[in-house]
Amino acid sequence: EEKEEEPLDLRQAEENIKEQPSTSLKNVQVGKKTFSCEECGHTFSRKGRLKEHMSCHTGEKPFSCDVCDQKFIYKTNLKTHMRVHTGEKPFSCEVCGKKFNQKIHLKLHTRVHTGEKPFGCNTCSRNFNQKNHLKRHMRVHTGEKPFSCNVCGHSFAQKSALKVHMSVHPGEKPFACHFCPKSFYQKTNLTVHMRVHTGETPYICDVCGQKFNRRSTLTEHIRVHTGEKPFTCDVCSKCFIQKTVLKRHMRVHTGEKPFGCDVCGQKFNRKTNLNTHIRVHTGEKPFGCDVCGKSKSNLKRHMSVHTGEKPFVCDVCGQMFTRQLNLSVHMSTHTNYFVLKY
């Protein structure tokens, strides 16, 4: 019985061309994908490529790193991995000179200079320069939290957030400050904290030149110049620069007063209000007036006695007051109108 002829791969086809000059390229079908994967139907032009591909289905990783024993499906992946150990970074950015160990990393980095953001969010129209950044962003809209803590079951939208959370369970804070008793779960938190002692303020506002010791604080400050207020109250639609301020504002609607006085039990919706109240019991008056020498627990309010300043104005009749409380009492004199500011 005549044996069926095996299909030609690209290399065999090229060799046949050399041996048979009269054979046309059309008849040889150079580059035709003739080797198909029985599992997924993917086709290849070379038998060796199909063999490598099959490892995806079998789980076989025949190529091992001699340094760390990590295994790979493809030889090319092992070759790329070896640069982690050798430190080789053959791909350089033509703009800033930064080097990378993979060509794809260089391609992604280039978008920093070009401003290219090819991946757009269909919900809020934000654009991203990497597909995985878009995928991570989409969890803001979907509420998906795929990373769960094995100890307490708490879920997170980002893997990095889970990693930070996991350090809470051992109860250990291995990163200690040499200047004060404070300790931290993360080394990055210690680094930021050290700036309190060193006075380092590496983040500078391009508009007014003000300096900050945290990047997040600079980001919030920039909104003072741009007018951006990204955090909106769902109840009254009031907008805020900081998420923490929105959280504090929500207590106006919920009536929550989480800060209680240990002496009399009175509760407050702000910690600063509690601290001021505590002075009623302690008799502390830490602020001295430069004009009359009196000590006051609220120096700013006392100064209006000397300056005549009346910053609280009635929206109805225009009458001005030195205290918010006096304005609130006054508002009750207007028919069907009473305002109490929190």
Protein backbone atom coordinates (compact mmCIF):
# COMPACT_ATOMS: atom_id res chain seq x y z
CA GLU A 1 0.00 0.00 0.00
CA GLU A 2 1.35 3.39 -0.98
CA LYS A 3 2.21 5.58 2.05
CA GLU A 4 0.48 8.97 2.16
CA GLU A 5 2.91 11.84 1.62
CA GLU A 6 3.43 14.09 4.66
CA PRO A 7 2.61 17.79 4.16
CA LEU A 8 5.55 20.14 3.59
CA ASP A 9 6.61 22.79 6.08
CA LEU A 10 8.22 26.08 5.00
CA ARG A 11 11.83 24.83 5.28
CA GLN A 12 11.07 21.67 3.28
CA ALA A 13 9.31 23.74 0.65
CA GLU A 14 12.34 26.03 0.28
CA GLU A 15 14.64 23.02 -0.13
CA ASN A 16 12.36 21.58 -2.80
CA ILE A 17 12.50 24.88 -4.66
CA LYS A 18 16.30 24.63 -4.77
CA GLU A 19 16.21 21.01 -5.99
CA GLN A 20 13.44 21.63 -8.55
CA PRO A 21 13.94 25.06 -10.12
CA SER A 22 11.06 24.56 -12.48
CA THR A 23 8.51 24.12 -9.68
CA SER A 24 6.37 27.26 -9.15
CA LEU A 25 5.79 28.87 -5.75
CA LYS A 26 2.08 28.43 -6.24
CA ASN A 27 2.34 24.66 -6.53
CA VAL A 28 4.63 24.34 -3.49
CA GLN A 29 2.29 26.61 -1.39
CA VAL A 30 5.08 28.26 0.63
CA GLY A 31 4.01 29.24 4.14
CA LYS A 32 0.74 27.33 4.15
CA LYS A 33 -0.28 26.45 7.78
CA THR A 34 -0.60 22.72 7.52
CA PHE A 35 -0.04 21.45 11.09
CA SER A 36 -3.19 21.69 13.20
CA CYS A 37 -3.63 21.27 16.96
CA GLU A 38 -6.25 18.62 17.70
CA GLU A 39 -7.11 20.32 21.01
CA CYS A 40 -7.86 23.91 19.92
CA GLY A 41 -7.57 23.87 16.12
CA HIS A 42 -4.65 26.33 16.03
CA THR A 43 -2.51 25.83 12.91
CA PHE A 44 1.24 26.10 12.36
CA SER A 45 3.59 26.14 9.40
CA ARG A 46 6.19 24.02 11.21
CA LYS A 47 5.85 20.73 13.00
CA GLY A 48 8.26 21.91 15.71
CA ARG A 49 6.01 24.88 16.50
CA LEU A 50 3.04 22.56 16.92
CA LYS A 51 5.07 20.37 19.29
CA GLU A 52 5.96 23.40 21.42
CA HIS A 53 2.35 24.57 21.37
CA MET A 54 1.08 21.21 22.69
CA SER A 55 2.84 21.99 25.99
CA CYS A 56 0.12 24.59 26.60
CA HIS A 57 -2.42 21.78 26.83
CA THR A 58 -0.28 19.15 28.55
CA GLY A 59 1.24 21.56 31.09
CA GLU A 60 4.71 20.33 30.22
CA LYS A 61 7.55 22.85 30.73
CA PRO A 62 10.67 21.27 29.27
CA PHE A 63 12.97 24.32 29.49
CA SER A 64 14.47 24.97 32.96
CA CYS A 65 16.54 27.85 34.31
CA ASP A 66 19.92 26.67 35.65
CA VAL A 67 19.96 29.47 38.23
CA CYS A 68 16.53 29.37 39.91
CA ASP A 69 14.96 26.20 38.43
CA GLN A 70 11.97 28.11 37.05
CA LYS A 71 10.45 26.19 34.11
CA PHE A 72 9.07 27.41 30.80
CA ILE A 73 7.05 26.05 27.90
CA TYR A 74 9.07 27.83 25.22
CA LYS A 75 12.81 28.15 24.82
CA THR A 76 12.43 31.81 23.87
CA ASN A 77 10.76 32.47 27.24
CA LEU A 78 13.70 30.89 29.03
CA LYS A 79 16.10 33.05 27.02
CA THR A 80 14.16 36.18 28.02
CA HIS A 81 14.02 35.05 31.66
CA MET A 82 17.80 34.63 31.84
CA ARG A 83 18.16 38.40 31.50
CA VAL A 84 16.73 38.68 35.03
CA HIS A 85 19.88 36.96 36.31
CA THR A 86 22.38 38.47 33.87
CA GLY A 87 20.98 42.01 34.11
CA GLU A 88 21.05 42.30 30.33
CA LYS A 89 18.74 44.99 28.96
CA PRO A 90 19.22 45.06 25.19
CA PHE A 91 16.26 47.32 24.34
CA SER A 92 16.81 51.07 24.83
CA CYS A 93 14.41 54.01 24.61
CA GLU A 94 15.56 56.49 21.97
CA VAL A 95 14.00 59.40 23.88
CA CYS A 96 15.23 59.00 27.47
CA GLY A 97 17.73 56.15 27.22
CA LYS A 98 15.92 53.89 29.68
CA LYS A 99 16.69 50.21 29.08
CA PHE A 100 14.48 47.12 29.19
CA ASN A 101 15.00 43.37 29.08
CA GLN A 102 11.99 42.78 26.82
CA LYS A 103 10.97 44.47 23.60
CA ILE A 104 7.32 44.59 24.65
CA HIS A 105 8.28 46.55 27.78
CA LEU A 106 10.06 49.11 25.61
CA LYS A 107 6.99 49.39 23.37
CA LEU A 108 4.74 50.05 26.38
CA HIS A 109 7.23 52.57 27.80
CA THR A 110 7.35 54.51 24.52
CA ARG A 111 3.70 55.49 25.05
CA VAL A 112 4.82 57.58 28.04
CA HIS A 113 6.57 59.89 25.57
CA THR A 114 4.02 59.72 22.72
CA GLY A 115 1.00 60.04 25.00
CA GLU A 116 -0.65 57.18 23.15
CA LYS A 117 -3.51 55.60 25.10
CA PRO A 118 -5.12 53.06 22.79
CA PHE A 119 -7.31 51.34 25.38
CA GLY A 120 -10.49 53.24 26.18
CA CYS A 121 -13.14 52.67 28.85
CA ASN A 122 -16.63 52.42 27.34
CA THR A 123 -18.24 53.56 30.60
CA CYS A 124 -16.42 56.78 31.52
CA SER A 125 -14.32 57.46 28.39
CA ARG A 126 -10.99 57.29 30.26
CA ASN A 127 -8.07 56.04 28.18
CA PHE A 128 -5.07 53.93 29.17
CA ASN A 129 -1.71 53.07 27.61
CA GLN A 130 -1.86 49.42 28.70
CA LYS A 131 -4.63 46.86 28.36
CA ASN A 132 -4.10 45.51 31.90
CA HIS A 133 -4.53 49.07 33.27
CA LEU A 134 -7.92 49.27 31.54
CA LYS A 135 -8.86 45.85 32.91
CA ARG A 136 -7.96 46.96 36.42
CA HIS A 137 -9.87 50.23 35.97
CA MET A 138 -13.05 48.43 34.88
CA ARG A 139 -13.37 47.01 38.39
CA VAL A 140 -14.26 50.53 39.53
CA HIS A 141 -17.45 50.26 37.47
CA THR A 142 -18.20 46.55 37.94
CA GLY A 143 -17.32 46.40 41.63
CA GLU A 144 -15.40 43.21 40.99
CA LYS A 145 -12.93 42.25 43.73
CA PRO A 146 -11.17 39.09 42.54
CA PHE A 147 -8.40 39.01 45.16
CA SER A 148 -9.53 37.50 48.48
CA CYS A 149 -7.76 37.15 51.82
CA ASN A 150 -7.44 33.50 52.87
CA VAL A 151 -7.58 34.48 56.54
CA CYS A 152 -10.60 36.78 56.88
CA GLY A 153 -12.21 36.56 53.44
CA HIS A 154 -11.90 40.29 52.75
CA SER A 155 -11.81 40.98 49.00
CA PHE A 156 -9.87 43.55 47.00
CA ALA A 157 -9.95 44.92 43.49
CA GLN A 158 -6.16 44.96 43.20
CA LYS A 159 -3.55 42.35 44.05
CA SER A 160 -1.27 44.99 45.57
CA ALA A 161 -4.05 45.96 48.02
CA LEU A 162 -4.38 42.33 49.12
CA LYS A 163 -0.62 42.13 49.63
CA VAL A 164 -0.69 45.17 51.92
CA HIS A 165 -3.71 43.78 53.78
CA MET A 166 -2.07 40.40 54.44
CA SER A 167 0.54 42.03 56.65
CA VAL A 168 -2.22 43.03 59.08
CA HIS A 169 -2.92 39.47 60.23
CA PRO A 170 0.47 38.50 61.70
CA GLY A 171 0.27 41.56 63.93
CA GLU A 172 3.91 42.34 63.15
CA LYS A 173 5.23 45.67 61.94
CA PRO A 174 8.77 44.81 60.91
CA PHE A 175 9.76 48.27 59.64
CA ALA A 176 10.58 50.48 62.62
CA CYS A 177 11.45 54.18 62.68
CA HIS A 178 14.82 54.96 64.30
CA PHE A 179 13.63 58.38 65.50
CA CYS A 180 10.29 57.52 67.12
CA PRO A 181 8.46 54.40 68.36
CA LYS A 182 6.33 54.06 65.22
CA SER A 183 6.45 50.84 63.18
CA PHE A 184 4.97 49.98 59.80
CA TYR A 185 3.76 46.95 57.86
CA GLN A 186 5.31 48.15 54.60
CA LYS A 187 8.79 49.54 53.89
CA THR A 188 7.28 52.17 51.59
CA ASN A 189 5.20 53.50 54.50
CA LEU A 190 8.34 53.82 56.61
CA THR A 191 10.09 55.68 53.78
CA VAL A 192 7.24 58.20 53.58
CA HIS A 193 7.15 58.55 57.38
CA MET A 194 10.88 59.31 57.59
CA ARG A 195 10.25 62.55 55.72
CA VAL A 196 8.45 63.82 58.84
CA HIS A 197 11.80 63.69 60.65
CA THR A 198 14.09 64.68 57.76
CA GLY A 199 11.84 67.45 56.46
CA GLU A 200 12.27 66.15 52.93
CA THR A 201 9.59 67.41 50.51
CA PRO A 202 10.42 65.93 47.11
CA TYR A 203 7.07 66.65 45.41
CA ILE A 204 6.73 70.21 44.09
CA CYS A 205 3.68 71.94 42.62
CA ASP A 206 4.48 73.31 39.14
CA VAL A 207 1.92 76.10 39.58
CA CYS A 208 2.76 77.69 42.96
CA GLY A 209 5.97 75.94 44.00
CA GLN A 210 4.55 74.53 47.23
CA LYS A 211 6.33 71.37 48.36
CA PHE A 212 4.95 68.15 49.81
CA ASN A 213 6.35 64.98 51.37
CA ARG A 214 3.80 62.72 49.66
CA ARG A 215 2.85 62.37 46.01
CA SER A 216 -0.81 61.83 46.96
CA THR A 217 -0.83 65.13 48.86
CA LEU A 218 0.55 66.93 45.80
CA THR A 219 -2.13 65.31 43.62
CA GLU A 220 -4.84 66.58 45.97
CA HIS A 221 -3.23 70.03 46.10
CA ILE A 222 -3.19 70.34 42.29
CA ARG A 223 -6.99 70.23 42.39
CA VAL A 224 -6.94 73.60 44.19
CA HIS A 225 -5.56 75.09 40.96
CA THR A 226 -7.62 73.04 38.50
CA GLY A 227 -10.86 73.27 40.45
CA GLU A 228 -11.37 69.53 40.08
CA LYS A 229 -13.60 67.94 42.72
CA PRO A 230 -13.90 64.27 41.77
CA PHE A 231 -15.69 63.04 44.91
CA THR A 232 -19.44 63.69 44.86
CA CYS A 233 -22.01 63.21 47.62
CA ASP A 234 -24.83 60.88 46.50
CA VAL A 235 -27.32 62.67 48.75
CA CYS A 236 -26.85 66.39 48.04
CA SER A 237 -24.47 66.31 45.02
CA LYS A 238 -21.89 68.46 46.80
CA CYS A 239 -18.38 67.84 45.43
CA PHE A 240 -15.07 67.56 47.26
CA ILE A 241 -11.35 67.54 46.48
CA GLN A 242 -10.53 64.70 48.87
CA LYS A 243 -12.25 61.38 49.50
CA THR A 244 -11.68 61.76 53.24
CA VAL A 245 -13.54 65.08 53.23
CA LEU A 246 -16.48 63.43 51.44
CA LYS A 247 -16.48 60.65 54.04
CA ARG A 248 -16.56 63.24 56.83
CA HIS A 249 -19.31 65.18 55.04
CA MET A 250 -21.52 62.06 54.81
CA ARG A 251 -21.90 62.18 58.60
CA VAL A 252 -24.05 65.29 58.10
CA HIS A 253 -26.62 63.09 56.34
CA THR A 254 -26.21 59.90 58.38
CA GLY A 255 -25.98 61.63 61.76
CA GLU A 256 -23.01 59.46 62.66
CA LYS A 257 -20.89 60.79 65.54
CA PRO A 258 -18.02 58.34 66.00
CA PHE A 259 -15.93 60.46 68.38
CA GLY A 260 -17.11 60.26 72.00
CA CYS A 261 -15.89 62.10 75.09
CA ASP A 262 -14.59 59.72 77.77
CA VAL A 263 -15.59 62.17 80.52
CA CYS A 264 -19.19 63.15 79.77
CA GLY A 265 -20.10 60.87 76.88
CA GLN A 266 -20.92 63.70 74.46
CA LYS A 267 -20.34 62.66 70.83
CA PHE A 268 -19.02 64.53 67.83
CA ASN A 269 -18.82 63.95 64.08
CA ARG A 270 -15.27 65.33 63.87
CA LYS A 271 -12.20 64.47 65.91
CA THR A 272 -11.12 68.13 65.96
CA ASN A 273 -14.43 69.04 67.63
CA LEU A 274 -13.83 66.37 70.28
CA ASN A 275 -10.30 67.68 70.94
CA THR A 276 -11.68 71.19 71.41
CA HIS A 277 -14.42 69.90 73.70
CA ILE A 278 -11.94 68.01 75.92
CA ARG A 279 -10.50 71.37 76.98
CA VAL A 280 -13.79 72.11 78.77
CA HIS A 281 -12.90 69.34 81.22
CA THR A 282 -9.13 69.89 81.38
CA GLY A 283 -9.30 73.70 81.49
CA GLU A 284 -6.50 73.81 78.94
CA LYS A 285 -6.18 77.05 76.98
CA PRO A 286 -3.20 76.50 74.72
CA PHE A 287 -3.56 79.57 72.52
CA GLY A 288 -2.40 82.97 73.80
CA CYS A 289 -3.69 86.20 72.28
CA ASP A 290 -0.90 88.59 71.16
CA VAL A 291 -3.21 91.59 71.64
CA CYS A 292 -4.63 91.18 75.14
CA GLY A 293 -2.56 88.29 76.49
CA LYS A 294 -5.56 86.15 77.32
CA SER A 295 -5.36 82.40 76.79
CA LYS A 296 -8.15 80.89 74.73
CA SER A 297 -9.14 77.42 73.61
CA ASN A 298 -10.32 78.92 70.29
CA LEU A 299 -7.93 81.75 69.47
CA LYS A 300 -9.21 82.30 65.93
CA ARG A 301 -12.72 83.01 67.17
CA HIS A 302 -11.39 85.27 69.96
CA MET A 303 -9.38 87.40 67.51
CA SER A 304 -12.59 88.61 65.89
CA VAL A 305 -13.18 90.61 69.09
CA HIS A 306 -10.12 92.72 68.23
CA THR A 307 -10.43 92.74 64.43
CA GLY A 308 -14.19 93.25 64.30
CA GLU A 309 -14.38 90.53 61.67
CA LYS A 310 -17.81 88.95 61.22
CA PRO A 311 -17.39 86.13 58.72
CA PHE A 312 -20.87 84.57 59.16
CA VAL A 313 -23.47 86.37 57.02
CA CYS A 314 -27.26 85.87 56.94
CA ASP A 315 -28.41 85.00 53.41
CA VAL A 316 -31.81 86.59 54.06
CA CYS A 317 -31.08 90.01 55.54
CA GLY A 318 -27.31 90.35 55.29
CA GLN A 319 -26.68 90.71 59.03
CA MET A 320 -23.19 89.52 60.07
CA PHE A 321 -21.99 87.61 63.11
CA THR A 322 -18.69 86.62 64.69
CA ARG A 323 -19.89 83.09 65.49
CA GLN A 324 -21.66 80.42 63.48
CA LEU A 325 -23.86 79.62 66.48
CA ASN A 326 -25.12 83.22 66.66
CA LEU A 327 -25.99 83.11 62.96
CA SER A 328 -27.88 79.84 63.44
CA VAL A 329 -29.94 81.33 66.28
CA HIS A 330 -30.59 84.46 64.21
CA MET A 331 -31.88 82.45 61.24
CA SER A 332 -34.78 81.23 63.38
CA THR A 333 -36.11 84.80 63.46
CA HIS A 334 -36.92 84.57 59.75
CA THR A 335 -40.29 82.93 59.13
CA ASN A 336 -40.06 79.29 57.99
CA TYR A 337 -36.31 79.56 57.68
CA PHE A 338 -33.83 77.83 59.92
CA VAL A 339 -30.35 76.71 58.98
CA LEU A 340 -27.94 74.77 61.14
CA LYS A 341 -24.53 74.30 59.63
CA TYR A 342 -22.61 71.22 60.68
